[in-house]
Amino acid sequence: EFVVLLANSKALVASTIMTRFQTYVDEYNNHSGKEYELALSYGAVEYQPEQHASLKDLLSDADALMYKQKQAI
């Protein structure tokens, strides 16, 4: 697991990064010759200054979204 923190970015930038990660994982799976495939799950949240959320809160929210995505797979 790892965290990517994007400062002063737009949702489009985050979406582009997630798409690239997925593309790289898909390319690996297509060419690895392994019996298993790698999977990618992520949770993305946007900091809203007016909500005064802490970094801990943001990470917790992103983690919950990631696990929700994993369950959907």
PDB file of N, CA and C in Angstrom:
ATOM      1  N   GLU A   1       0.844  -1.177   0.000  1.00  0.00           N
ATOM      2  CA  GLU A   1       0.000   0.000   0.000  1.00  0.00           C
ATOM      3  C   GLU A   1       0.885   1.234   0.000  1.00  0.00           C
ATOM      4  N   PHE A   2       0.388   2.257  -0.645  1.00  0.00           N
ATOM      5  CA  PHE A   2       1.090   3.522  -0.624  1.00  0.00           C
ATOM      6  C   PHE A   2       0.103   4.664  -0.810  1.00  0.00           C
ATOM      7  N   VAL A   3       0.565   5.863  -0.522  1.00  0.00           N
ATOM      8  CA  VAL A   3      -0.264   7.062  -0.595  1.00  0.00           C
ATOM      9  C   VAL A   3       0.369   8.029  -1.584  1.00  0.00           C
ATOM     10  N   VAL A   4      -0.473   8.653  -2.373  1.00  0.00           N
ATOM     11  CA  VAL A   4      -0.032   9.726  -3.261  1.00  0.00           C
ATOM     12  C   VAL A   4      -0.775  10.976  -2.814  1.00  0.00           C
ATOM     13  N   LEU A   5      -0.041  11.987  -2.433  1.00  0.00           N
ATOM     14  CA  LEU A   5      -0.627  13.250  -2.013  1.00  0.00           C
ATOM     15  C   LEU A   5      -0.355  14.276  -3.094  1.00  0.00           C
ATOM     16  N   LEU A   6      -1.420  14.789  -3.684  1.00  0.00           N
ATOM     17  CA  LEU A   6      -1.291  15.787  -4.746  1.00  0.00           C
ATOM     18  C   LEU A   6      -1.674  17.142  -4.182  1.00  0.00           C
ATOM     19  N   ALA A   7      -0.737  18.041  -4.150  1.00  0.00           N
ATOM     20  CA  ALA A   7      -0.998  19.388  -3.640  1.00  0.00           C
ATOM     21  C   ALA A   7      -1.427  20.299  -4.785  1.00  0.00           C
ATOM     22  N   ASN A   8      -2.466  21.065  -4.536  1.00  0.00           N
ATOM     23  CA  ASN A   8      -2.954  22.045  -5.513  1.00  0.00           C
ATOM     24  C   ASN A   8      -3.229  21.438  -6.876  1.00  0.00           C
ATOM     25  N   SER A   9      -3.874  20.305  -6.898  1.00  0.00           N
ATOM     26  CA  SER A   9      -4.169  19.658  -8.183  1.00  0.00           C
ATOM     27  C   SER A   9      -5.670  19.615  -8.409  1.00  0.00           C
ATOM     28  N   LYS A  10      -6.019  19.344  -9.603  1.00  0.00           N
ATOM     29  CA  LYS A  10      -7.419  19.223 -10.002  1.00  0.00           C
ATOM     30  C   LYS A  10      -7.814  17.753 -10.018  1.00  0.00           C
ATOM     31  N   ALA A  11      -9.104  17.492  -9.985  1.00  0.00           N
ATOM     32  CA  ALA A  11      -9.597  16.112 -10.024  1.00  0.00           C
ATOM     33  C   ALA A  11      -9.137  15.409 -11.296  1.00  0.00           C
ATOM     34  N   LEU A  12      -9.012  16.162 -12.380  1.00  0.00           N
ATOM     35  CA  LEU A  12      -8.566  15.569 -13.646  1.00  0.00           C
ATOM     36  C   LEU A  12      -7.155  15.011 -13.517  1.00  0.00           C
ATOM     37  N   VAL A  13      -6.290  15.686 -12.779  1.00  0.00           N
ATOM     38  CA  VAL A  13      -4.918  15.198 -12.584  1.00  0.00           C
ATOM     39  C   VAL A  13      -4.941  13.881 -11.813  1.00  0.00           C
ATOM     40  N   ALA A  14      -5.723  13.817 -10.754  1.00  0.00           N
ATOM     41  CA  ALA A  14      -5.816  12.591  -9.963  1.00  0.00           C
ATOM     42  C   ALA A  14      -6.370  11.455 -10.812  1.00  0.00           C
ATOM     43  N   SER A  15      -7.376  11.737 -11.594  1.00  0.00           N
ATOM     44  CA  SER A  15      -7.965  10.726 -12.475  1.00  0.00           C
ATOM     45  C   SER A  15      -6.947  10.223 -13.492  1.00  0.00           C
ATOM     46  N   THR A  16      -6.158  11.126 -14.038  1.00  0.00           N
ATOM     47  CA  THR A  16      -5.132  10.755 -15.014  1.00  0.00           C
ATOM     48  C   THR A  16      -4.081   9.848 -14.377  1.00  0.00           C
ATOM     49  N   ILE A  17      -3.684  10.164 -13.168  1.00  0.00           N
ATOM     50  CA  ILE A  17      -2.691   9.342 -12.474  1.00  0.00           C
ATOM     51  C   ILE A  17      -3.242   7.944 -12.211  1.00  0.00           C
ATOM     52  N   MET A  18      -4.479   7.853 -11.760  1.00  0.00           N
ATOM     53  CA  MET A  18      -5.088   6.548 -11.502  1.00  0.00           C
ATOM     54  C   MET A  18      -5.214   5.741 -12.790  1.00  0.00           C
ATOM     55  N   THR A  19      -5.552   6.401 -13.875  1.00  0.00           N
ATOM     56  CA  THR A  19      -5.649   5.719 -15.170  1.00  0.00           C
ATOM     57  C   THR A  19      -4.285   5.186 -15.594  1.00  0.00           C
ATOM     58  N   ARG A  20      -3.251   5.964 -15.381  1.00  0.00           N
ATOM     59  CA  ARG A  20      -1.898   5.504 -15.737  1.00  0.00           C
ATOM     60  C   ARG A  20      -1.480   4.303 -14.899  1.00  0.00           C
ATOM     61  N   PHE A  21      -1.746   4.359 -13.592  1.00  0.00           N
ATOM     62  CA  PHE A  21      -1.437   3.207 -12.737  1.00  0.00           C
ATOM     63  C   PHE A  21      -2.135   1.961 -13.262  1.00  0.00           C
ATOM     64  N   GLN A  22      -3.412   2.089 -13.584  1.00  0.00           N
ATOM     65  CA  GLN A  22      -4.177   0.937 -14.066  1.00  0.00           C
ATOM     66  C   GLN A  22      -3.621   0.436 -15.393  1.00  0.00           C
ATOM     67  N   THR A  23      -3.235   1.341 -16.269  1.00  0.00           N
ATOM     68  CA  THR A  23      -2.654   0.963 -17.556  1.00  0.00           C
ATOM     69  C   THR A  23      -1.366   0.162 -17.355  1.00  0.00           C
ATOM     70  N   TYR A  24      -0.509   0.612 -16.446  1.00  0.00           N
ATOM     71  CA  TYR A  24       0.740  -0.103 -16.186  1.00  0.00           C
ATOM     72  C   TYR A  24       0.475  -1.490 -15.600  1.00  0.00           C
ATOM     73  N   VAL A  25      -0.483  -1.590 -14.693  1.00  0.00           N
ATOM     74  CA  VAL A  25      -0.826  -2.895 -14.117  1.00  0.00           C
ATOM     75  C   VAL A  25      -1.375  -3.815 -15.199  1.00  0.00           C
ATOM     76  N   ASP A  26      -2.260  -3.289 -16.050  1.00  0.00           N
ATOM     77  CA  ASP A  26      -2.817  -4.094 -17.142  1.00  0.00           C
ATOM     78  C   ASP A  26      -1.728  -4.564 -18.097  1.00  0.00           C
ATOM     79  N   GLU A  27      -0.795  -3.691 -18.439  1.00  0.00           N
ATOM     80  CA  GLU A  27       0.308  -4.076 -19.331  1.00  0.00           C
ATOM     81  C   GLU A  27       1.159  -5.166 -18.696  1.00  0.00           C
ATOM     82  N   TYR A  28       1.440  -5.034 -17.408  1.00  0.00           N
ATOM     83  CA  TYR A  28       2.207  -6.066 -16.716  1.00  0.00           C
ATOM     84  C   TYR A  28       1.467  -7.399 -16.779  1.00  0.00           C
ATOM     85  N   ASN A  29       0.180  -7.376 -16.451  1.00  0.00           N
ATOM     86  CA  ASN A  29      -0.607  -8.611 -16.465  1.00  0.00           C
ATOM     87  C   ASN A  29      -0.639  -9.254 -17.843  1.00  0.00           C
ATOM     88  N   ASN A  30      -0.709  -8.449 -18.884  1.00  0.00           N
ATOM     89  CA  ASN A  30      -0.775  -8.977 -20.251  1.00  0.00           C
ATOM     90  C   ASN A  30       0.539  -9.594 -20.722  1.00  0.00           C
ATOM     91  N   HIS A  31       1.651  -9.160 -20.136  1.00  0.00           N
ATOM     92  CA  HIS A  31       2.957  -9.612 -20.625  1.00  0.00           C
ATOM     93  C   HIS A  31       3.780 -10.389 -19.598  1.00  0.00           C
ATOM     94  N   SER A  32       3.242 -10.620 -18.417  1.00  0.00           N
ATOM     95  CA  SER A  32       4.053 -11.232 -17.360  1.00  0.00           C
ATOM     96  C   SER A  32       4.203 -12.737 -17.513  1.00  0.00           C
ATOM     97  N   GLY A  33       3.203 -13.407 -18.073  1.00  0.00           N
ATOM     98  CA  GLY A  33       3.255 -14.855 -18.171  1.00  0.00           C
ATOM     99  C   GLY A  33       3.043 -15.550 -16.836  1.00  0.00           C
ATOM    100  N   LYS A  34       2.639 -14.805 -15.833  1.00  0.00           N
ATOM    101  CA  LYS A  34       2.403 -15.372 -14.494  1.00  0.00           C
ATOM    102  C   LYS A  34       1.019 -16.010 -14.436  1.00  0.00           C
ATOM    103  N   GLU A  35       0.846 -16.923 -13.488  1.00  0.00           N
ATOM    104  CA  GLU A  35      -0.448 -17.580 -13.295  1.00  0.00           C
ATOM    105  C   GLU A  35      -1.447 -16.661 -12.607  1.00  0.00           C
ATOM    106  N   TYR A  36      -0.967 -15.605 -12.025  1.00  0.00           N
ATOM    107  CA  TYR A  36      -1.822 -14.675 -11.280  1.00  0.00           C
ATOM    108  C   TYR A  36      -1.766 -13.296 -11.931  1.00  0.00           C
ATOM    109  N   GLU A  37      -2.706 -12.458 -11.572  1.00  0.00           N
ATOM    110  CA  GLU A  37      -2.714 -11.080 -12.058  1.00  0.00           C
ATOM    111  C   GLU A  37      -2.626 -10.125 -10.885  1.00  0.00           C
ATOM    112  N   LEU A  38      -1.969  -9.022 -11.115  1.00  0.00           N
ATOM    113  CA  LEU A  38      -1.958  -7.949 -10.122  1.00  0.00           C
ATOM    114  C   LEU A  38      -3.263  -7.178 -10.237  1.00  0.00           C
ATOM    115  N   ALA A  39      -3.730  -6.651  -9.117  1.00  0.00           N
ATOM    116  CA  ALA A  39      -4.945  -5.844  -9.109  1.00  0.00           C
ATOM    117  C   ALA A  39      -4.643  -4.511  -8.438  1.00  0.00           C
ATOM    118  N   LEU A  40      -5.403  -3.518  -8.800  1.00  0.00           N
ATOM    119  CA  LEU A  40      -5.212  -2.178  -8.275  1.00  0.00           C
ATOM    120  C   LEU A  40      -6.522  -1.693  -7.678  1.00  0.00           C
ATOM    121  N   SER A  41      -6.485  -1.290  -6.423  1.00  0.00           N
ATOM    122  CA  SER A  41      -7.637  -0.684  -5.764  1.00  0.00           C
ATOM    123  C   SER A  41      -7.176   0.634  -5.168  1.00  0.00           C
ATOM    124  N   TYR A  42      -8.022   1.621  -5.241  1.00  0.00           N
ATOM    125  CA  TYR A  42      -7.637   2.918  -4.688  1.00  0.00           C
ATOM    126  C   TYR A  42      -8.856   3.660  -4.159  1.00  0.00           C
ATOM    127  N   GLY A  43      -8.586   4.577  -3.283  1.00  0.00           N
ATOM    128  CA  GLY A  43      -9.606   5.494  -2.777  1.00  0.00           C
ATOM    129  C   GLY A  43      -9.064   6.893  -2.917  1.00  0.00           C
ATOM    130  N   ALA A  44      -9.818   7.762  -3.509  1.00  0.00           N
ATOM    131  CA  ALA A  44      -9.371   9.139  -3.730  1.00  0.00           C
ATOM    132  C   ALA A  44     -10.333  10.100  -3.055  1.00  0.00           C
ATOM    133  N   VAL A  45      -9.776  11.016  -2.292  1.00  0.00           N
ATOM    134  CA  VAL A  45     -10.566  12.053  -1.648  1.00  0.00           C
ATOM    135  C   VAL A  45      -9.938  13.407  -1.944  1.00  0.00           C
ATOM    136  N   GLU A  46     -10.759  14.418  -1.883  1.00  0.00           N
ATOM    137  CA  GLU A  46     -10.281  15.773  -2.132  1.00  0.00           C
ATOM    138  C   GLU A  46     -10.416  16.586  -0.850  1.00  0.00           C
ATOM    139  N   TYR A  47      -9.356  17.281  -0.508  1.00  0.00           N
ATOM    140  CA  TYR A  47      -9.371  18.132   0.674  1.00  0.00           C
ATOM    141  C   TYR A  47     -10.209  19.369   0.409  1.00  0.00           C
ATOM    142  N   GLN A  48     -11.153  19.622   1.308  1.00  0.00           N
ATOM    143  CA  GLN A  48     -11.988  20.819   1.239  1.00  0.00           C
ATOM    144  C   GLN A  48     -11.655  21.691   2.449  1.00  0.00           C
ATOM    145  N   PRO A  49     -10.964  22.810   2.252  1.00  0.00           N
ATOM    146  CA  PRO A  49     -10.527  23.634   3.384  1.00  0.00           C
ATOM    147  C   PRO A  49     -11.654  24.036   4.336  1.00  0.00           C
ATOM    148  N   GLU A  50     -12.835  24.243   3.808  1.00  0.00           N
ATOM    149  CA  GLU A  50     -13.943  24.668   4.670  1.00  0.00           C
ATOM    150  C   GLU A  50     -14.431  23.563   5.604  1.00  0.00           C
ATOM    151  N   GLN A  51     -14.028  22.310   5.339  1.00  0.00           N
ATOM    152  CA  GLN A  51     -14.446  21.190   6.184  1.00  0.00           C
ATOM    153  C   GLN A  51     -13.458  20.918   7.322  1.00  0.00           C
ATOM    154  N   HIS A  52     -12.282  21.500   7.272  1.00  0.00           N
ATOM    155  CA  HIS A  52     -11.273  21.367   8.332  1.00  0.00           C
ATOM    156  C   HIS A  52     -10.950  19.914   8.667  1.00  0.00           C
ATOM    157  N   ALA A  53     -10.834  19.058   7.671  1.00  0.00           N
ATOM    158  CA  ALA A  53     -10.484  17.653   7.880  1.00  0.00           C
ATOM    159  C   ALA A  53      -8.976  17.532   8.096  1.00  0.00           C
ATOM    160  N   SER A  54      -8.612  16.676   9.020  1.00  0.00           N
ATOM    161  CA  SER A  54      -7.190  16.430   9.265  1.00  0.00           C
ATOM    162  C   SER A  54      -6.661  15.449   8.230  1.00  0.00           C
ATOM    163  N   LEU A  55      -5.348  15.345   8.148  1.00  0.00           N
ATOM    164  CA  LEU A  55      -4.739  14.369   7.239  1.00  0.00           C
ATOM    165  C   LEU A  55      -5.169  12.960   7.633  1.00  0.00           C
ATOM    166  N   LYS A  56      -5.257  12.699   8.912  1.00  0.00           N
ATOM    167  CA  LYS A  56      -5.706  11.395   9.395  1.00  0.00           C
ATOM    168  C   LYS A  56      -7.123  11.103   8.894  1.00  0.00           C
ATOM    169  N   ASP A  57      -7.999  12.098   8.953  1.00  0.00           N
ATOM    170  CA  ASP A  57      -9.372  11.924   8.460  1.00  0.00           C
ATOM    171  C   ASP A  57      -9.385  11.631   6.961  1.00  0.00           C
ATOM    172  N   LEU A  58      -8.589  12.367   6.209  1.00  0.00           N
ATOM    173  CA  LEU A  58      -8.535  12.182   4.759  1.00  0.00           C
ATOM    174  C   LEU A  58      -8.024  10.781   4.402  1.00  0.00           C
ATOM    175  N   LEU A  59      -6.972  10.346   5.091  1.00  0.00           N
ATOM    176  CA  LEU A  59      -6.437   9.003   4.841  1.00  0.00           C
ATOM    177  C   LEU A  59      -7.450   7.924   5.211  1.00  0.00           C
ATOM    178  N   SER A  60      -8.163   8.129   6.289  1.00  0.00           N
ATOM    179  CA  SER A  60      -9.180   7.177   6.709  1.00  0.00           C
ATOM    180  C   SER A  60     -10.305   7.095   5.677  1.00  0.00           C
ATOM    181  N   ASP A  61     -10.734   8.247   5.160  1.00  0.00           N
ATOM    182  CA  ASP A  61     -11.782   8.275   4.140  1.00  0.00           C
ATOM    183  C   ASP A  61     -11.320   7.588   2.856  1.00  0.00           C
ATOM    184  N   ALA A  62     -10.082   7.869   2.447  1.00  0.00           N
ATOM    185  CA  ALA A  62      -9.538   7.242   1.231  1.00  0.00           C
ATOM    186  C   ALA A  62      -9.405   5.735   1.429  1.00  0.00           C
ATOM    187  N   ASP A  63      -8.984   5.323   2.602  1.00  0.00           N
ATOM    188  CA  ASP A  63      -8.840   3.894   2.899  1.00  0.00           C
ATOM    189  C   ASP A  63     -10.196   3.194   2.841  1.00  0.00           C
ATOM    190  N   ALA A  64     -11.223   3.825   3.391  1.00  0.00           N
ATOM    191  CA  ALA A  64     -12.571   3.243   3.355  1.00  0.00           C
ATOM    192  C   ALA A  64     -13.058   3.100   1.917  1.00  0.00           C
ATOM    193  N   LEU A  65     -12.800   4.099   1.087  1.00  0.00           N
ATOM    194  CA  LEU A  65     -13.192   4.021  -0.321  1.00  0.00           C
ATOM    195  C   LEU A  65     -12.442   2.904  -1.052  1.00  0.00           C
ATOM    196  N   MET A  66     -11.156   2.746  -0.713  1.00  0.00           N
ATOM    197  CA  MET A  66     -10.363   1.690  -1.340  1.00  0.00           C
ATOM    198  C   MET A  66     -10.933   0.320  -1.005  1.00  0.00           C
ATOM    199  N   TYR A  67     -11.264   0.093   0.271  1.00  0.00           N
ATOM    200  CA  TYR A  67     -11.803  -1.205   0.649  1.00  0.00           C
ATOM    201  C   TYR A  67     -13.184  -1.434   0.049  1.00  0.00           C
ATOM    202  N   LYS A  68     -13.970  -0.388  -0.114  1.00  0.00           N
ATOM    203  CA  LYS A  68     -15.260  -0.507  -0.769  1.00  0.00           C
ATOM    204  C   LYS A  68     -15.068  -0.937  -2.226  1.00  0.00           C
ATOM    205  N   GLN A  69     -14.063  -0.377  -2.881  1.00  0.00           N
ATOM    206  CA  GLN A  69     -13.763  -0.753  -4.272  1.00  0.00           C
ATOM    207  C   GLN A  69     -13.298  -2.201  -4.346  1.00  0.00           C
ATOM    208  N   LYS A  70     -12.467  -2.628  -3.379  1.00  0.00           N
ATOM    209  CA  LYS A  70     -11.994  -4.015  -3.372  1.00  0.00           C
ATOM    210  C   LYS A  70     -13.151  -4.999  -3.260  1.00  0.00           C
ATOM    211  N   GLN A  71     -14.141  -4.663  -2.456  1.00  0.00           N
ATOM    212  CA  GLN A  71     -15.287  -5.547  -2.284  1.00  0.00           C
ATOM    213  C   GLN A  71     -16.120  -5.646  -3.564  1.00  0.00           C
ATOM    214  N   ALA A  72     -16.077  -4.609  -4.374  1.00  0.00           N
ATOM    215  CA  ALA A  72     -16.875  -4.588  -5.605  1.00  0.00           C
ATOM    216  C   ALA A  72     -16.245  -5.425  -6.715  1.00  0.00           C
ATOM    217  N   ILE A  73     -14.964  -5.758  -6.577  1.00  0.00           N
ATOM    218  CA  ILE A  73     -14.256  -6.508  -7.623  1.00  0.00           C
ATOM    219  C   ILE A  73     -14.632  -7.963  -7.582  1.00  0.00           C
TER     220      ILE A  73
END
